[in-house]
């Protein structure tokens, strides 16, 4: 059986965020592939699915805007994270994806960053055999697999992934991108 990538955005992503479930709307719950966001779909999801999904999209845009600019150009594409969210996030040529399927790790593609939103989601993927990763748990919320470029962080919600934790996530990404060897351990950024 071929593993399927299901979600919003681009198949050829640089950054993918994995969440446990699709927005609770028939169209999205029945997706069988990855599709770019078109025609204000983010606003439609926000209106029909509530504040939780609004937070996911807002935090995703904030995370992209906080990523190290020497490795990612998201913050150079718009004046603010809000403008980035509205004009680019998960659209064609955005190099972003929000996936409802398990991560498919194609070797050691150093150009792809996989972010699993939520410790529970990551542990469920491991327990169900849907993810083969060697995580170094840095604390109760953050884990990293340097070989496969996977980071586990708190769920994309303002309270769980606050601005200070977004900064920590960005620092971990910078360390991951700057690591020349496949070390199993990364230093926990000091704040």
Protein backbone atom coordinates (compact mmCIF):
# COMPACT_ATOMS: atom_id res chain seq x y z
CA UNK A 1 0.00 0.00 0.00
CA UNK A 2 1.36 3.41 -0.99
CA UNK A 3 1.35 6.01 1.74
CA UNK A 4 -0.79 9.01 0.91
CA UNK A 5 -0.02 12.64 1.70
CA UNK A 6 -3.28 14.32 2.72
CA UNK A 7 -3.74 17.95 3.59
CA UNK A 8 -3.51 21.53 2.43
CA UNK A 9 -0.60 23.17 0.65
CA UNK A 10 2.08 21.80 -1.62
CA UNK A 11 3.50 18.31 -1.99
CA UNK A 12 6.93 19.84 -2.68
CA UNK A 13 7.11 21.66 0.66
CA UNK A 14 10.00 23.09 2.64
CA UNK A 15 7.97 23.17 5.86
CA UNK A 16 5.14 20.81 6.76
CA UNK A 17 3.09 20.93 9.94
CA UNK A 18 1.25 17.75 10.95
CA UNK A 19 -2.01 17.84 12.90
CA UNK A 20 -4.16 14.90 13.97
CA UNK A 21 -7.38 15.84 12.17
CA UNK A 22 -8.66 17.78 9.19
CA UNK A 23 -11.05 20.69 9.70
CA UNK A 24 -14.50 19.23 10.52
CA UNK A 25 -16.06 19.99 7.16
CA UNK A 26 -17.02 17.23 4.70
CA UNK A 27 -14.77 18.53 1.91
CA UNK A 28 -11.64 18.49 4.08
CA UNK A 29 -12.49 15.33 6.02
CA UNK A 30 -12.77 13.47 2.70
CA UNK A 31 -9.57 14.76 1.11
CA UNK A 32 -7.46 11.99 -0.40
CA UNK A 33 -4.47 14.09 -1.48
CA UNK A 34 -2.76 17.39 -0.88
CA UNK A 35 -4.38 20.49 -2.37
CA UNK A 36 -3.32 24.13 -2.33
CA UNK A 37 -5.56 26.62 -0.55
CA UNK A 38 -7.63 28.68 -2.99
CA UNK A 39 -10.40 31.28 -2.92
CA UNK A 40 -10.28 32.29 0.74
CA UNK A 41 -10.53 28.69 2.01
CA UNK A 42 -8.72 29.63 5.23
CA UNK A 43 -11.43 32.20 6.00
CA UNK A 44 -14.12 29.64 5.15
CA UNK A 45 -12.55 27.13 7.55
CA UNK A 46 -12.25 29.81 10.24
CA UNK A 47 -15.92 30.77 9.85
CA UNK A 48 -17.25 27.20 9.88
CA UNK A 49 -14.86 25.49 12.29
CA UNK A 50 -14.30 28.13 14.95
CA UNK A 51 -11.51 29.77 16.84
CA UNK A 52 -9.37 26.64 17.18
CA UNK A 53 -8.68 26.50 13.46
CA UNK A 54 -8.14 30.27 13.30
CA UNK A 55 -5.40 29.78 15.88
CA UNK A 56 -3.80 26.96 13.86
CA UNK A 57 -3.48 29.16 10.78
CA UNK A 58 -2.37 32.22 12.75
CA UNK A 59 0.26 30.32 14.71
CA UNK A 60 1.48 28.59 11.54
CA UNK A 61 2.03 31.98 9.88
CA UNK A 62 3.76 33.30 13.02
CA UNK A 63 6.06 30.25 13.10
CA UNK A 64 7.01 30.70 9.43
CA UNK A 65 7.69 34.38 10.02
CA UNK A 66 9.96 33.50 12.99
CA UNK A 67 12.07 30.90 11.17
CA UNK A 68 15.72 31.87 10.58
CA UNK A 69 15.85 34.17 7.55
CA UNK A 70 19.17 32.74 6.41
CA UNK A 71 17.38 29.45 5.73
CA UNK A 72 13.80 30.48 4.96
CA UNK A 73 12.39 33.43 3.01
CA UNK A 74 8.81 33.42 4.35
CA UNK A 75 9.26 36.68 6.29
CA UNK A 76 10.66 38.36 3.16
CA UNK A 77 7.47 37.70 1.18
CA UNK A 78 5.12 39.91 3.20
CA UNK A 79 5.17 42.84 5.62
CA UNK A 80 3.59 40.89 8.49
CA UNK A 81 2.66 37.36 9.44
CA UNK A 82 -0.99 38.33 8.90
CA UNK A 83 -0.29 39.42 5.33
CA UNK A 84 1.71 36.23 4.76
CA UNK A 85 -1.19 34.13 6.06
CA UNK A 86 -3.68 35.86 3.77
CA UNK A 87 -1.56 35.99 0.60
CA UNK A 88 0.72 32.93 0.67
CA UNK A 89 0.13 30.34 3.42
CA UNK A 90 -0.60 26.87 1.99
CA UNK A 91 -1.12 28.25 -1.52
CA UNK A 92 0.61 27.22 -4.76
CA UNK A 93 4.34 27.99 -4.68
CA UNK A 94 4.26 28.62 -0.91
CA UNK A 95 6.52 25.64 -0.10
CA UNK A 96 4.24 24.99 2.91
CA UNK A 97 1.89 22.18 3.89
CA UNK A 98 -0.59 21.45 6.68
CA UNK A 99 -0.92 17.68 6.69
CA UNK A 100 -3.55 15.45 8.27
CA UNK A 101 -1.65 12.27 7.32
CA UNK A 102 1.42 10.75 8.93
CA UNK A 103 4.82 12.11 7.92
CA UNK A 104 6.39 10.39 4.93
CA UNK A 105 10.10 10.79 5.41
CA UNK A 106 11.90 10.46 2.09
CA UNK A 107 15.43 9.62 3.14
CA UNK A 108 17.28 12.48 4.69
CA UNK A 109 16.00 15.43 2.67
CA UNK A 110 17.66 18.31 4.48
CA UNK A 111 15.49 20.81 2.64
CA UNK A 112 12.30 19.58 4.28
CA UNK A 113 11.35 20.45 7.84
CA UNK A 114 8.65 18.35 9.50
CA UNK A 115 6.89 19.89 12.53
CA UNK A 116 4.48 17.68 14.46
CA UNK A 117 2.02 19.83 16.39
CA UNK A 118 1.51 18.24 19.78
CA UNK A 119 3.30 15.63 21.86
CA UNK A 120 0.19 13.42 22.00
CA UNK A 121 -0.07 13.40 18.20
CA UNK A 122 3.61 12.48 17.85
CA UNK A 123 3.37 9.68 20.42
CA UNK A 124 0.22 8.31 18.76
CA UNK A 125 1.98 8.23 15.37
CA UNK A 126 4.88 6.32 16.94
CA UNK A 127 2.63 3.87 18.81
CA UNK A 128 0.55 3.18 15.69
CA UNK A 129 3.69 2.46 13.67
CA UNK A 130 2.96 5.37 11.32
CA UNK A 131 6.21 7.16 12.12
CA UNK A 132 9.72 5.80 12.40
CA UNK A 133 11.72 8.42 14.27
CA UNK A 134 14.36 8.57 16.98
CA UNK A 135 13.30 11.49 19.12
CA UNK A 136 15.49 13.23 21.64
CA UNK A 137 12.92 14.67 24.08
CA UNK A 138 14.25 18.02 25.26
CA UNK A 139 11.44 18.47 27.77
CA UNK A 140 7.73 17.64 28.06
CA UNK A 141 6.86 19.64 24.93
CA UNK A 142 9.76 19.65 22.48
CA UNK A 143 11.52 16.73 20.79
CA UNK A 144 13.81 16.48 17.80
CA UNK A 145 14.99 13.87 15.34
CA UNK A 146 18.04 15.44 13.67
CA UNK A 147 18.45 12.69 11.08
CA UNK A 148 14.94 13.07 9.66
CA UNK A 149 14.51 16.80 10.36
CA UNK A 150 11.45 16.32 12.56
CA UNK A 151 10.59 18.57 15.49
CA UNK A 152 7.74 17.97 17.91
CA UNK A 153 6.38 21.13 19.51
CA UNK A 154 3.25 22.18 21.38
CA UNK A 155 0.00 22.26 19.43
CA UNK A 156 -0.56 25.36 17.29
CA UNK A 157 -2.58 27.33 19.83
CA UNK A 158 -1.62 30.68 21.41
CA UNK A 159 -1.55 29.29 24.93
CA UNK A 160 0.33 26.11 24.07
CA UNK A 161 2.75 27.57 21.52
CA UNK A 162 3.26 31.07 22.89
CA UNK A 163 5.58 33.63 21.32
CA UNK A 164 8.45 32.56 23.60
CA UNK A 165 7.96 28.94 22.54
CA UNK A 166 7.81 30.00 18.88
CA UNK A 167 11.21 31.65 19.46
CA UNK A 168 12.51 28.39 20.96
CA UNK A 169 11.16 26.44 17.99
CA UNK A 170 12.91 28.86 15.62
CA UNK A 171 16.18 28.47 17.54
CA UNK A 172 15.87 24.67 17.29
CA UNK A 173 15.30 24.96 13.55
CA UNK A 174 18.39 27.17 13.24
CA UNK A 175 20.46 24.60 15.14
CA UNK A 176 19.04 21.81 12.99
CA UNK A 177 19.85 23.67 9.77
CA UNK A 178 23.35 24.57 10.99
CA UNK A 179 24.19 21.06 12.21
CA UNK A 180 26.76 19.57 9.85
CA UNK A 181 26.69 16.11 11.38
CA UNK A 182 23.77 13.90 12.28
CA UNK A 183 24.17 14.28 16.01
CA UNK A 184 21.43 12.73 18.11
CA UNK A 185 21.51 15.60 20.58
CA UNK A 186 20.85 19.27 20.12
CA UNK A 187 21.42 21.88 22.74
CA UNK A 188 18.35 23.40 24.31
CA UNK A 189 18.37 27.10 23.41
CA UNK A 190 18.86 29.46 26.30
CA UNK A 191 16.29 32.23 26.81
